[in-house]
Amino acid sequence: MDLTPEYTVLLDRFIQHLALERGLSGHTQEAYEHDCTRYLLFLQDRGIGRITDCGEADIRGLLVDMAGLGLSEATLARTISSIRTFHTFLMTERYSDTDPSSRIDLPKSRRRLPACLTVAEIESLLEQPDLGQPRGIRDRALLELLYASGLRVSEAVTLDRSSLLVEEQLIRVFGKGMKERIVPVGETALYYLRRYFEETRPLLAAGRRGGDVVFLNMRGRPLSRVAVWKIIKTYAAQAGIDKNISPHTLRHTFATHLLEGGASLRAVQEMLGHADISTTQIYTHLDRAYLQEVIQSCHPRETQAGFSREEGP
């Protein structure tokens, strides 16, 4: 079933708003469009032809139907968030005077932690590319950069040469909503990036089809997100890593290793580009032994008590 002309116009204007005024990525726009299309089709099926006739009970009805289909809490939460954003837009643009979604709470979903590699696993992964081949040099530079900076895969594949501030050991990144942040990059990643620019990229860029994008595929075009996913999967298999990893695994590993090394949550938040520090807290799944060590070495009552572990109080 297709949307009615009235609903189609509202949805199109909403997506334009997300793109032009909020600067959201194409992937995020697609998620909003998918959720809102489902919502509007549900209203149509209920015989509701005007958005102003929708009520809270209608939205709850959609959620009940989705739960009945076995959709996850995370999917329900995302749908509610999309509907809320849609109705906020409608009120701001005076298409509606009320927001029927305002009193609907987000379900409390259990956040699953993404896989995290140990130091030994990440080192093994990084050593897999064959540095005797142009592809291997490119892949090593890509993997080193992802682990050194915590970039999202979408940020890595759209990174351009002007964003690499090599002398300052920094990268200018445009993340979600085109928000700019500056991320430091270590010498190891910069070394492999230099090798890539000197030995490999000139070969790939000979056809001038990749513009100024840093990472190119073997045909000289910008590397895609899917290609990065396949690269990581291939080298993980070669390294004997049996965890289900993805480009996000390197981002998660970057954050976790920083925190385990003593970095502050606020510093990691800044480098990851999280607007809300609560988002960063998913990376703090440190083991109990490490947390006990932090207490014993950092808490004033522990460092000044003068008791040995054997003596006790």
Protein backbone atom coordinates (compact mmCIF):
# COMPACT_ATOMS: atom_id res chain seq x y z
CA MET A 1 0.00 0.00 0.00
CA ASP A 2 1.28 3.47 -0.91
CA LEU A 3 1.01 6.57 1.24
CA THR A 4 -1.73 9.07 0.44
CA PRO A 5 -0.62 12.31 -1.25
CA GLU A 6 -1.10 14.25 2.00
CA TYR A 7 1.08 11.88 4.02
CA THR A 8 3.64 11.72 1.20
CA VAL A 9 4.05 15.50 1.23
CA LEU A 10 4.48 15.62 5.01
CA LEU A 11 7.03 12.83 4.99
CA ASP A 12 9.00 14.38 2.11
CA ARG A 13 9.15 17.74 3.87
CA PHE A 14 10.25 16.05 7.09
CA ILE A 15 13.12 14.24 5.36
CA GLN A 16 14.16 17.50 3.65
CA HIS A 17 14.20 19.13 7.10
CA LEU A 18 16.46 16.36 8.44
CA ALA A 19 18.85 16.78 5.53
CA LEU A 20 18.96 20.55 5.10
CA GLU A 21 18.38 21.94 8.58
CA ARG A 22 19.69 19.19 10.84
CA GLY A 23 22.39 17.93 8.49
CA LEU A 24 21.77 14.26 9.23
CA SER A 25 23.53 11.61 7.16
CA GLY A 26 21.79 9.73 4.38
CA HIS A 27 21.84 6.55 6.47
CA THR A 28 20.11 8.28 9.40
CA GLN A 29 17.56 9.88 7.07
CA GLU A 30 16.73 6.45 5.69
CA ALA A 31 16.11 5.13 9.22
CA TYR A 32 13.71 8.01 9.99
CA GLU A 33 11.95 7.55 6.66
CA HIS A 34 11.54 3.82 7.25
CA ASP A 35 10.07 4.29 10.74
CA CYS A 36 7.75 7.13 9.77
CA THR A 37 6.53 5.35 6.66
CA ARG A 38 5.58 2.35 8.80
CA TYR A 39 3.78 4.72 11.18
CA LEU A 40 1.83 6.54 8.47
CA LEU A 41 0.84 3.33 6.72
CA PHE A 42 -0.47 2.05 10.05
CA LEU A 43 -2.58 5.21 10.44
CA GLN A 44 -3.94 4.80 6.93
CA ASP A 45 -4.85 1.20 7.65
CA ARG A 46 -6.83 2.47 10.65
CA GLY A 47 -8.70 4.89 8.41
CA ILE A 48 -6.91 7.97 9.73
CA GLY A 49 -6.37 10.17 6.68
CA ARG A 50 -5.19 13.34 8.44
CA ILE A 51 -2.26 13.53 10.82
CA THR A 52 -4.21 15.87 13.10
CA ASP A 53 -6.72 13.06 13.75
CA CYS A 54 -4.06 10.76 15.19
CA GLY A 55 -4.10 10.15 18.94
CA GLU A 56 -1.91 8.57 21.58
CA ALA A 57 -3.92 5.33 21.38
CA ASP A 58 -3.05 4.99 17.70
CA ILE A 59 0.67 5.17 18.39
CA ARG A 60 0.35 2.66 21.22
CA GLY A 61 -1.54 0.41 18.82
CA LEU A 62 1.38 0.49 16.40
CA LEU A 63 3.80 -0.45 19.17
CA VAL A 64 1.59 -3.34 20.29
CA ASP A 65 1.50 -4.65 16.71
CA MET A 66 5.29 -4.34 16.38
CA ALA A 67 5.85 -6.13 19.69
CA GLY A 68 3.48 -8.87 18.52
CA LEU A 69 5.69 -9.38 15.47
CA GLY A 70 8.61 -10.06 17.79
CA LEU A 71 10.51 -6.85 17.03
CA SER A 72 13.16 -5.97 19.58
CA GLU A 73 12.95 -3.34 22.31
CA ALA A 74 15.68 -1.42 20.52
CA THR A 75 13.55 -1.28 17.35
CA LEU A 76 10.52 -0.13 19.34
CA ALA A 77 12.58 2.56 21.05
CA ARG A 78 13.95 3.80 17.72
CA THR A 79 10.45 3.90 16.24
CA ILE A 80 9.12 5.96 19.15
CA SER A 81 12.06 8.34 18.83
CA SER A 82 11.41 8.76 15.10
CA ILE A 83 7.69 9.40 15.65
CA ARG A 84 8.48 11.98 18.34
CA THR A 85 10.90 13.80 16.05
CA PHE A 86 8.32 13.72 13.27
CA HIS A 87 5.58 15.22 15.46
CA THR A 88 7.96 17.86 16.80
CA PHE A 89 8.61 18.88 13.20
CA LEU A 90 4.88 18.97 12.45
CA MET A 91 4.22 21.27 15.40
CA THR A 92 7.18 23.53 14.62
CA GLU A 93 6.00 23.92 11.02
CA ARG A 94 2.37 24.39 12.17
CA TYR A 95 1.02 21.30 10.45
CA SER A 96 -0.36 20.20 13.82
CA ASP A 97 -1.21 21.74 17.18
CA THR A 98 -0.70 18.65 19.35
CA ASP A 99 1.89 15.93 19.85
CA PRO A 100 0.20 12.57 20.57
CA SER A 101 3.59 10.95 21.20
CA SER A 102 4.62 13.21 24.09
CA ARG A 103 3.42 10.92 26.88
CA ILE A 104 4.71 7.65 25.44
CA ASP A 105 7.81 6.43 27.26
CA LEU A 106 10.71 4.73 25.57
CA PRO A 107 11.03 1.06 26.53
CA LYS A 108 14.05 0.36 28.71
CA SER A 109 16.14 -1.86 26.51
CA ARG A 110 19.19 -3.77 27.63
CA ARG A 111 22.12 -2.41 25.68
CA ARG A 112 24.26 -5.17 24.25
CA LEU A 113 27.95 -4.43 24.42
CA PRO A 114 29.77 -4.68 21.10
CA ALA A 115 32.73 -7.03 20.89
CA CYS A 116 36.02 -5.74 22.23
CA LEU A 117 39.43 -7.03 21.20
CA THR A 118 42.23 -7.66 23.65
CA VAL A 119 45.57 -5.94 23.11
CA ALA A 120 46.98 -9.20 21.75
CA GLU A 121 44.05 -9.63 19.35
CA ILE A 122 44.25 -6.08 18.01
CA GLU A 123 47.99 -6.42 17.48
CA SER A 124 47.47 -9.67 15.60
CA LEU A 125 44.76 -8.08 13.46
CA LEU A 126 46.98 -5.12 12.59
CA GLU A 127 49.82 -7.42 11.52
CA GLN A 128 47.77 -9.34 8.95
CA PRO A 129 47.99 -7.03 5.88
CA ASP A 130 50.86 -7.88 3.51
CA LEU A 131 53.05 -4.76 3.43
CA GLY A 132 54.73 -6.05 0.29
CA GLN A 133 51.54 -5.32 -1.66
CA PRO A 134 49.84 -1.95 -2.33
CA ARG A 135 46.55 -3.29 -0.99
CA GLY A 136 48.24 -4.39 2.21
CA ILE A 137 49.77 -0.96 2.82
CA ARG A 138 46.37 0.67 2.33
CA ASP A 139 44.66 -1.81 4.64
CA ARG A 140 47.29 -1.43 7.36
CA ALA A 141 46.93 2.36 7.26
CA LEU A 142 43.13 2.03 7.46
CA LEU A 143 43.19 -0.41 10.40
CA GLU A 144 45.79 1.61 12.28
CA LEU A 145 43.77 4.78 11.83
CA LEU A 146 40.49 3.21 12.99
CA TYR A 147 42.13 1.83 16.13
CA ALA A 148 44.19 4.98 16.79
CA SER A 149 41.31 7.46 16.46
CA GLY A 150 38.02 5.67 17.14
CA LEU A 151 36.51 6.99 13.90
CA ARG A 152 33.12 5.71 12.78
CA VAL A 153 33.40 3.79 9.51
CA SER A 154 31.29 6.48 7.80
CA GLU A 155 33.79 9.10 8.99
CA ALA A 156 36.78 7.08 7.79
CA VAL A 157 35.50 6.48 4.25
CA THR A 158 34.59 10.15 3.76
CA LEU A 159 37.81 11.53 5.24
CA ASP A 160 39.58 13.83 2.80
CA ARG A 161 43.23 14.76 2.59
CA SER A 162 42.70 18.31 3.82
CA SER A 163 41.36 16.91 7.10
CA LEU A 164 44.69 15.23 7.91
CA LEU A 165 46.76 17.70 9.92
CA VAL A 166 49.89 15.55 9.89
CA GLU A 167 52.31 18.05 11.42
CA GLU A 168 49.95 18.65 14.33
CA GLN A 169 49.13 14.90 14.60
CA LEU A 170 45.42 15.68 14.38
CA ILE A 171 42.42 14.83 12.22
CA ARG A 172 39.46 17.11 11.55
CA VAL A 173 36.36 14.91 11.55
CA PHE A 174 32.78 15.72 10.60
CA GLY A 175 30.56 13.30 12.47
CA LYS A 176 26.82 12.90 12.96
CA GLY A 177 24.90 16.03 12.07
CA MET A 178 28.09 17.36 10.43
CA LYS A 179 29.43 18.31 13.85
CA GLU A 180 33.15 18.98 13.68
CA ARG A 181 35.62 17.56 16.17
CA ILE A 182 39.40 17.33 16.33
CA VAL A 183 40.91 13.93 17.10
CA PRO A 184 44.57 13.28 17.93
CA VAL A 185 46.38 10.51 16.04
CA GLY A 186 49.50 8.70 17.23
CA GLU A 187 52.81 8.27 15.44
CA THR A 188 52.22 4.64 14.50
CA ALA A 189 49.05 5.39 12.54
CA LEU A 190 50.69 8.43 10.95
CA TYR A 191 53.68 6.31 9.85
CA TYR A 192 51.43 3.91 7.93
CA LEU A 193 49.38 6.76 6.53
CA ARG A 194 52.59 8.32 5.17
CA ARG A 195 53.55 5.01 3.58
CA TYR A 196 50.10 4.74 2.04
CA PHE A 197 50.32 8.25 0.59
CA GLU A 198 53.84 7.72 -0.71
CA GLU A 199 53.65 4.14 -2.02
CA THR A 200 50.04 3.17 -2.69
CA ARG A 201 47.61 6.04 -3.10
CA PRO A 202 49.39 7.53 -6.16
CA LEU A 203 48.88 4.18 -7.92
CA LEU A 204 45.20 4.01 -7.00
CA ALA A 205 44.53 7.68 -7.78
CA ALA A 206 46.03 7.56 -11.29
CA GLY A 207 42.57 7.67 -12.86
CA ARG A 208 41.57 10.69 -10.73
CA ARG A 209 38.21 9.15 -9.85
CA GLY A 210 38.55 9.34 -6.10
CA GLY A 211 38.94 13.08 -5.66
CA ASP A 212 40.56 14.02 -2.35
CA VAL A 213 39.11 11.11 -0.37
CA VAL A 214 41.90 9.46 1.62
CA PHE A 215 41.06 5.78 1.21
CA LEU A 216 40.53 4.46 -2.32
CA ASN A 217 39.63 1.01 -3.58
CA MET A 218 41.75 -0.85 -6.13
CA ARG A 219 39.84 0.86 -8.97
CA GLY A 220 40.66 4.31 -7.64
CA ARG A 221 37.21 5.10 -6.28
CA PRO A 222 36.38 5.96 -2.65
CA LEU A 223 36.37 2.91 -0.41
CA SER A 224 32.84 1.96 0.71
CA ARG A 225 31.58 1.06 4.18
CA VAL A 226 30.84 -2.48 2.99
CA ALA A 227 34.39 -2.82 1.68
CA VAL A 228 35.83 -1.79 5.06
CA TRP A 229 33.58 -4.35 6.77
CA LYS A 230 34.87 -7.08 4.43
CA ILE A 231 38.50 -6.03 4.96
CA ILE A 232 38.17 -6.32 8.72
CA LYS A 233 36.33 -9.65 8.52
CA THR A 234 39.02 -11.09 6.24
CA TYR A 235 41.93 -10.11 8.46
CA ALA A 236 40.11 -11.20 11.62
CA ALA A 237 39.70 -14.67 10.11
CA GLN A 238 43.39 -14.73 9.16
CA ALA A 239 44.31 -13.75 12.72
CA GLY A 240 42.17 -16.55 14.15
CA ILE A 241 39.84 -14.13 15.94
CA ASP A 242 36.49 -15.89 16.32
CA LYS A 243 34.59 -12.90 17.71
CA ASN A 244 31.88 -11.31 15.58
CA ILE A 245 33.69 -8.09 14.75
CA SER A 246 32.98 -5.13 12.50
CA PRO A 247 34.43 -1.64 11.95
CA HIS A 248 32.59 -0.55 15.11
CA THR A 249 34.60 -3.15 17.05
CA LEU A 250 37.75 -1.11 16.47
CA ARG A 251 35.97 2.03 17.68
CA HIS A 252 34.81 0.21 20.79
CA THR A 253 38.26 -1.28 21.36
CA PHE A 254 39.86 2.17 21.00
CA ALA A 255 37.57 3.59 23.69
CA THR A 256 37.87 0.64 26.05
CA HIS A 257 41.66 0.51 25.88
CA LEU A 258 41.87 4.24 26.55
CA LEU A 259 39.68 3.92 29.63
CA GLU A 260 41.64 0.92 30.87
CA GLY A 261 44.80 2.97 30.39
CA GLY A 262 43.49 5.72 32.66
CA ALA A 263 41.81 8.17 30.27
CA SER A 264 38.86 10.11 31.63
CA LEU A 265 35.35 9.40 30.43
CA ARG A 266 35.03 13.05 29.39
CA ALA A 267 38.16 12.85 27.20
CA VAL A 268 36.93 9.69 25.50
CA GLN A 269 33.52 11.31 24.97
CA GLU A 270 35.21 14.20 23.16
CA MET A 271 37.26 11.93 20.92
CA LEU A 272 34.31 9.71 20.02
CA GLY A 273 32.10 12.70 19.25
CA HIS A 274 29.29 11.75 21.62
CA ALA A 275 26.95 14.62 22.44
CA ASP A 276 25.80 12.90 25.64
CA ILE A 277 28.31 11.33 28.03
CA SER A 278 25.75 8.62 28.86
CA THR A 279 26.38 7.24 25.37
CA THR A 280 30.07 6.89 26.18
CA GLN A 281 29.33 4.95 29.36
CA ILE A 282 28.59 1.83 27.32
CA TYR A 283 32.35 1.56 26.85
CA THR A 284 33.07 1.30 30.57
CA HIS A 285 32.46 -2.44 30.92
CA LEU A 286 35.79 -2.91 32.69
CA ASP A 287 36.43 -6.09 34.63
CA ARG A 288 36.13 -6.13 38.39
CA ALA A 289 39.82 -6.72 38.99
CA TYR A 290 40.64 -3.52 37.10
CA LEU A 291 38.02 -1.55 39.00
CA GLN A 292 39.36 -2.89 42.31
CA GLU A 293 42.84 -1.84 41.26
CA VAL A 294 41.60 1.68 40.51
CA ILE A 295 40.00 1.94 43.96
CA GLN A 296 43.08 0.60 45.71
CA SER A 297 45.49 2.90 43.88
CA CYS A 298 43.39 6.07 43.56
CA HIS A 299 40.86 6.37 46.38
CA PRO A 300 42.13 8.51 49.31
CA ARG A 301 40.76 6.12 51.93
CA GLU A 302 42.59 3.22 50.30
CA THR A 303 45.93 4.95 49.74
CA GLN A 304 46.08 6.48 53.26
CA ALA A 305 44.67 3.69 55.39
CA GLY A 306 48.02 2.00 56.02
CA PHE A 307 46.61 -1.55 56.13
CA SER A 308 48.08 -4.37 54.15
CA ARG A 309 45.77 -6.71 52.29
CA GLU A 310 46.96 -9.59 54.45
CA GLU A 311 46.48 -7.79 57.80
CA GLY A 312 43.05 -6.35 57.13
CA PRO A 313 41.59 -3.61 59.38
